Amino acid sequence: MSLELAPALTLNDGTDIPQLGLGTWALRGEECVATIRSAIEVGYRHFDTAARYGNEEAVGQAINEAIAAGDVSRDELFITSKVWNDHHDAQATAESFQESLAKLGLDYLDLFLVHWPYPQQQKYVECFEAIARLQGLGTVQSIGVANFYEDVLDDLITQTGIVPAVNQVELHPGFSQSTLREYHDAHGIITEAWSPLGRGILLQNPVIADVADQVGRSPAQVILRWGIQLGCITIPKSAKLDRLKENLNIFDFQLSEEQMDRINVLDEQRGFGRIFDDPHTWPDSLHRDESQA
């Protein structure tokens, strides 16, 4: 039986996007297909992939099988993919987009993102402009970026005159990206959180555990609800059916202002902060993490 569908936020281009989706990084092959089919069955309508993930074929297979089976229609789904750093020039961006469409077996994407700014390469503006041209052709509904920070967003908006609909960034308790979210709010950009559970590290945090006890929910549900109440889109990843259901079942309760504040102040405590690499320097930083979302 399906759970309640996630509510939608409206992007700056008027498009609605489900506020909770399924991240698919590290899902491969039959596991990926089975996970997405199960997710659609229980109520997920928003799926996030990328060329870098190497799973667009499996994501597309699951989506098209679900459509063929009558489980869902294409217009009920919101599908995101991203162009990787080695395709930032205009022609390569267009080619990457067409390759993503072909692998997914879709006629259009709901959202297409520049995956990382890669500032050392200085091609993110060219890449975004190429995506904007694709939007003009009608093969992508909304366009945005991922892992961008204020300086490169300023540069992008100034040079193109286009405000991205979404910026997908690392965001979780202890790293709430408050300054960047304020920037987004001022410019009409929706914040989307990847790794919202902090690779599971935060599930054992005593503050999170205490709030979970207070509201009678799991730590994961508390964290995801916190992100939702910040006004973010959030895309947790799981391949387990019980976790898929649990993660979606967060729209029938609220955290109090005091509970939100207790989680927010984790930003100020030692031992918290960014878990993954910094987009100011990555991927040219010395410590590369090939799992970057």
Protein backbone atom coordinates (compact mmCIF):
# COMPACT_ATOMS: atom_id res chain seq x y z
CA MET A 1 0.00 0.00 0.00
CA SER A 2 1.28 3.45 -0.89
CA LEU A 3 2.18 5.94 1.81
CA GLU A 4 1.24 9.60 1.57
CA LEU A 5 2.93 11.25 -1.41
CA ALA A 6 5.51 13.87 -0.56
CA PRO A 7 4.23 17.45 -0.84
CA ALA A 8 5.72 19.66 -3.54
CA LEU A 9 7.67 22.90 -3.55
CA THR A 10 7.40 25.30 -6.47
CA LEU A 11 10.62 26.22 -8.26
CA ASN A 12 11.37 29.71 -9.58
CA ASP A 13 10.20 28.63 -13.05
CA GLY A 14 6.79 27.54 -11.75
CA THR A 15 7.55 23.81 -11.76
CA ASP A 16 6.51 21.68 -8.79
CA ILE A 17 9.08 19.29 -7.32
CA PRO A 18 8.34 16.65 -4.65
CA GLN A 19 10.06 17.72 -1.44
CA LEU A 20 11.36 14.23 -0.72
CA GLY A 21 12.93 11.94 -3.30
CA LEU A 22 15.21 8.95 -3.60
CA GLY A 23 18.91 9.44 -4.16
CA THR A 24 20.38 6.62 -6.25
CA TRP A 25 24.14 7.03 -5.81
CA ALA A 26 25.81 3.59 -5.45
CA LEU A 27 22.68 1.70 -6.54
CA ARG A 28 23.56 -0.56 -9.45
CA GLY A 29 22.01 -3.16 -11.73
CA GLU A 30 19.16 -5.29 -10.48
CA GLU A 31 19.38 -3.84 -6.97
CA CYS A 32 18.80 -0.39 -8.45
CA VAL A 33 15.87 -1.59 -10.58
CA ALA A 34 14.23 -3.42 -7.68
CA THR A 35 14.73 -0.50 -5.28
CA ILE A 36 13.14 2.03 -7.61
CA ARG A 37 10.23 -0.27 -8.43
CA SER A 38 9.63 -0.73 -4.69
CA ALA A 39 9.97 3.00 -4.08
CA ILE A 40 7.38 3.81 -6.74
CA GLU A 41 5.04 1.21 -5.23
CA VAL A 42 5.17 2.82 -1.78
CA GLY A 43 4.79 6.37 -3.06
CA TYR A 44 8.08 7.89 -4.23
CA ARG A 45 7.78 10.08 -7.32
CA HIS A 46 11.12 11.91 -7.30
CA PHE A 47 14.34 10.16 -8.35
CA ASP A 48 17.84 11.59 -8.53
CA THR A 49 20.66 10.17 -10.64
CA ALA A 50 23.71 11.47 -12.54
CA ALA A 51 26.02 10.50 -15.36
CA ARG A 52 28.74 10.05 -12.73
CA TYR A 53 26.71 7.43 -10.85
CA GLY A 54 26.91 4.95 -13.73
CA ASN A 55 23.35 3.77 -13.13
CA GLU A 56 21.18 5.77 -15.53
CA GLU A 57 20.35 2.63 -17.53
CA ALA A 58 19.10 0.82 -14.43
CA VAL A 59 17.17 3.86 -13.23
CA GLY A 60 15.57 4.17 -16.65
CA GLN A 61 14.76 0.48 -16.80
CA ALA A 62 12.92 0.67 -13.48
CA ILE A 63 11.00 3.80 -14.48
CA ASN A 64 9.95 2.45 -17.84
CA GLU A 65 8.98 -0.93 -16.39
CA ALA A 66 6.83 0.83 -13.78
CA ILE A 67 5.16 2.96 -16.46
CA ALA A 68 4.54 -0.08 -18.68
CA ALA A 69 3.04 -1.94 -15.72
CA GLY A 70 0.63 0.92 -15.04
CA ASP A 71 2.14 1.63 -11.62
CA VAL A 72 2.73 5.27 -12.47
CA SER A 73 2.61 7.64 -15.44
CA ARG A 74 5.58 9.63 -16.69
CA ASP A 75 3.98 12.94 -15.80
CA GLU A 76 3.65 11.83 -12.17
CA LEU A 77 7.43 11.41 -11.89
CA PHE A 78 10.20 13.93 -11.35
CA ILE A 79 13.55 12.73 -12.71
CA THR A 80 16.86 14.53 -12.19
CA SER A 81 20.25 13.86 -13.76
CA LYS A 82 23.53 15.77 -13.88
CA VAL A 83 26.44 16.51 -16.21
CA TRP A 84 29.90 15.59 -14.93
CA ASN A 85 33.05 17.73 -14.82
CA ASP A 86 34.59 16.23 -17.96
CA HIS A 87 31.69 17.53 -20.10
CA HIS A 88 31.59 21.22 -19.16
CA ASP A 89 32.15 22.74 -22.59
CA ALA A 90 29.00 23.54 -24.56
CA GLN A 91 29.10 20.72 -27.09
CA ALA A 92 30.07 18.09 -24.52
CA THR A 93 27.28 19.25 -22.20
CA ALA A 94 24.69 18.78 -24.95
CA GLU A 95 26.15 15.36 -25.76
CA SER A 96 26.10 14.34 -22.10
CA PHE A 97 22.45 15.36 -21.82
CA GLN A 98 21.46 13.34 -24.88
CA GLU A 99 23.41 10.36 -23.56
CA SER A 100 21.61 10.62 -20.22
CA LEU A 101 18.23 10.76 -21.98
CA ALA A 102 19.13 7.72 -24.09
CA LYS A 103 20.34 5.70 -21.10
CA LEU A 104 17.24 6.60 -19.12
CA GLY A 105 14.99 5.86 -22.10
CA LEU A 106 13.11 9.12 -21.58
CA ASP A 107 11.96 11.92 -23.88
CA TYR A 108 12.72 14.67 -21.37
CA LEU A 109 14.15 15.32 -17.91
CA ASP A 110 12.42 17.26 -15.19
CA LEU A 111 15.67 18.71 -13.86
CA PHE A 112 19.24 18.77 -15.19
CA LEU A 113 22.13 20.01 -13.07
CA VAL A 114 25.77 21.03 -13.40
CA HIS A 115 27.12 18.41 -11.00
CA TRP A 116 30.08 20.40 -9.59
CA PRO A 117 31.36 23.91 -10.32
CA TYR A 118 34.98 22.73 -10.66
CA PRO A 119 36.17 26.36 -10.41
CA GLN A 120 39.73 25.51 -11.44
CA GLN A 121 38.41 24.53 -14.87
CA GLN A 122 36.39 27.77 -15.29
CA LYS A 123 33.76 26.23 -17.56
CA TYR A 124 30.71 26.05 -15.30
CA VAL A 125 29.15 29.14 -16.91
CA GLU A 126 29.53 27.65 -20.38
CA CYS A 127 28.03 24.39 -19.12
CA PHE A 128 25.05 26.13 -17.52
CA GLU A 129 24.42 28.21 -20.64
CA ALA A 130 24.35 25.00 -22.68
CA ILE A 131 21.80 23.52 -20.27
CA ALA A 132 19.69 26.67 -20.59
CA ARG A 133 19.64 26.20 -24.38
CA LEU A 134 18.40 22.64 -23.86
CA GLN A 135 15.64 24.01 -21.66
CA GLY A 136 14.65 26.30 -24.53
CA LEU A 137 14.27 23.25 -26.76
CA GLY A 138 11.78 21.71 -24.33
CA THR A 139 13.75 18.56 -23.49
CA VAL A 140 14.39 19.61 -19.89
CA GLN A 141 11.83 21.32 -17.69
CA SER A 142 14.04 22.93 -15.03
CA ILE A 143 17.75 23.66 -14.74
CA GLY A 144 20.04 24.05 -11.80
CA VAL A 145 23.35 23.29 -10.19
CA ALA A 146 24.86 21.12 -7.49
CA ASN A 147 27.61 21.84 -4.99
CA PHE A 148 27.81 25.52 -5.91
CA TYR A 149 28.69 28.18 -3.31
CA GLU A 150 27.99 31.90 -3.15
CA ASP A 151 30.91 33.19 -5.26
CA VAL A 152 30.32 30.84 -8.19
CA LEU A 153 26.56 31.39 -7.97
CA ASP A 154 27.15 35.16 -8.19
CA ASP A 155 29.39 34.63 -11.21
CA LEU A 156 26.89 32.31 -12.88
CA ILE A 157 23.90 34.61 -12.38
CA THR A 158 25.82 37.73 -13.41
CA GLN A 159 27.17 36.19 -16.60
CA THR A 160 24.04 34.34 -17.74
CA GLY A 161 21.22 36.42 -16.27
CA ILE A 162 19.60 33.12 -15.22
CA VAL A 163 18.96 32.08 -11.62
CA PRO A 164 19.26 28.30 -11.12
CA ALA A 165 16.05 26.69 -9.89
CA VAL A 166 17.90 24.35 -7.51
CA ASN A 167 21.28 24.05 -5.84
CA GLN A 168 21.85 20.52 -4.57
CA VAL A 169 24.43 20.50 -1.76
CA GLU A 170 25.70 18.48 1.17
CA LEU A 171 23.39 19.35 4.05
CA HIS A 172 22.64 17.57 7.33
CA PRO A 173 22.56 18.29 11.08
CA GLY A 174 25.89 19.77 12.06
CA PHE A 175 26.23 21.27 8.59
CA SER A 176 22.98 23.06 7.92
CA GLN A 177 24.46 25.46 5.35
CA SER A 178 22.62 28.37 6.99
CA THR A 179 24.54 31.11 5.15
CA LEU A 180 24.12 29.43 1.77
CA ARG A 181 20.42 28.82 2.46
CA GLU A 182 20.00 32.52 3.21
CA TYR A 183 21.62 33.31 -0.13
CA HIS A 184 19.30 30.86 -1.86
CA ASP A 185 16.24 32.38 -0.19
CA ALA A 186 17.32 35.88 -1.29
CA HIS A 187 17.69 34.75 -4.90
CA GLY A 188 14.74 32.37 -5.22
CA ILE A 189 16.83 29.19 -5.37
CA ILE A 190 15.54 26.02 -3.71
CA THR A 191 18.06 24.19 -1.51
CA GLU A 192 18.25 20.44 -2.08
CA ALA A 193 20.07 18.28 0.47
CA TRP A 194 22.21 15.34 -0.55
CA SER A 195 23.55 12.96 2.10
CA PRO A 196 20.86 14.31 4.46
CA LEU A 197 21.60 11.56 7.00
CA GLY A 198 25.34 12.25 6.94
CA ARG A 199 26.18 8.71 5.83
CA GLY A 200 24.32 7.45 8.88
CA ILE A 201 26.84 8.97 11.27
CA LEU A 202 24.23 11.27 12.76
CA LEU A 203 21.76 8.51 13.61
CA GLN A 204 23.65 7.86 16.85
CA ASN A 205 23.82 11.49 17.93
CA PRO A 206 22.34 11.93 21.44
CA VAL A 207 20.47 15.14 20.56
CA ILE A 208 18.84 13.48 17.57
CA ALA A 209 18.08 10.38 19.64
CA ASP A 210 16.46 12.46 22.40
CA VAL A 211 14.27 14.37 19.96
CA ALA A 212 13.32 11.06 18.33
CA ASP A 213 12.21 9.74 21.74
CA GLN A 214 10.16 12.90 22.33
CA VAL A 215 8.23 12.62 19.06
CA GLY A 216 8.08 8.80 18.92
CA ARG A 217 9.93 8.57 15.62
CA SER A 218 13.23 7.15 14.42
CA PRO A 219 16.39 9.29 14.34
CA ALA A 220 16.33 9.14 10.52
CA GLN A 221 12.77 10.45 10.45
CA VAL A 222 13.70 13.30 12.79
CA ILE A 223 16.65 14.31 10.60
CA LEU A 224 14.62 14.21 7.41
CA ARG A 225 11.76 16.11 9.03
CA TRP A 226 14.25 18.74 10.21
CA GLY A 227 15.44 19.22 6.62
CA ILE A 228 11.87 19.45 5.36
CA GLN A 229 11.02 22.11 7.98
CA LEU A 230 14.09 24.11 6.92
CA GLY A 231 12.36 24.35 3.55
CA CYS A 232 14.75 22.01 1.76
CA ILE A 233 14.20 19.24 -0.72
CA THR A 234 15.84 16.10 0.64
CA ILE A 235 16.92 12.95 -1.19
CA PRO A 236 17.94 10.15 1.19
CA LYS A 237 19.16 6.90 -0.31
CA SER A 238 18.26 3.39 0.81
CA ALA A 239 17.85 0.02 -0.86
CA LYS A 240 15.82 -1.47 2.02
CA LEU A 241 12.04 -1.48 1.73
CA ASP A 242 11.45 -0.76 5.42
CA ARG A 243 13.79 2.22 5.28
CA LEU A 244 12.16 3.49 2.09
CA LYS A 245 8.81 3.47 3.87
CA GLU A 246 10.24 5.00 7.04
CA ASN A 247 11.95 7.83 5.15
CA LEU A 248 8.76 8.74 3.31
CA ASN A 249 6.60 8.59 6.43
CA ILE A 250 7.57 12.03 7.79
CA PHE A 251 4.69 14.26 6.74
CA ASP A 252 2.27 13.54 9.58
CA PHE A 253 4.27 15.13 12.40
CA GLN A 254 6.22 18.30 13.11
CA LEU A 255 9.22 19.23 15.21
CA SER A 256 8.71 22.08 17.65
CA GLU A 257 10.72 25.30 17.39
CA GLU A 258 12.73 24.20 20.43
CA GLN A 259 13.50 20.82 18.85
CA MET A 260 14.54 22.50 15.58
CA ASP A 261 16.82 24.86 17.52
CA ARG A 262 18.48 21.98 19.38
CA ILE A 263 19.37 20.37 16.07
CA ASN A 264 20.41 23.65 14.46
CA VAL A 265 22.98 24.41 17.18
CA LEU A 266 24.87 21.23 16.31
CA ASP A 267 26.49 23.44 13.65
CA GLU A 268 28.30 25.24 16.45
CA GLN A 269 29.71 22.17 18.20
CA ARG A 270 33.14 20.69 17.64
CA GLY A 271 33.28 17.52 15.61
CA PHE A 272 30.52 18.55 13.23
CA GLY A 273 30.64 20.15 9.81
CA ARG A 274 31.25 19.10 6.25
CA ILE A 275 31.76 15.36 5.84
CA PHE A 276 32.62 15.31 2.15
CA ASP A 277 35.09 17.38 0.13
CA ASP A 278 34.83 21.13 -0.29
CA PRO A 279 33.63 22.34 -3.72
CA HIS A 280 35.94 25.36 -3.43
CA THR A 281 38.83 22.97 -4.09
CA TRP A 282 37.45 19.57 -5.11
CA PRO A 283 38.21 17.71 -7.41
CA ASP A 284 41.68 19.26 -7.46
CA SER A 285 42.10 18.80 -3.71
CA LEU A 286 44.60 16.24 -2.51
CA HIS A 287 42.03 14.12 -0.66
CA ARG A 288 39.56 13.02 -3.30
CA ASP A 289 36.45 11.07 -2.41
CA GLU A 290 35.13 9.24 -5.46
CA SER A 291 31.74 8.88 -3.75
CA GLN A 292 30.88 12.57 -4.02
CA ALA A 293 27.15 12.91 -4.66
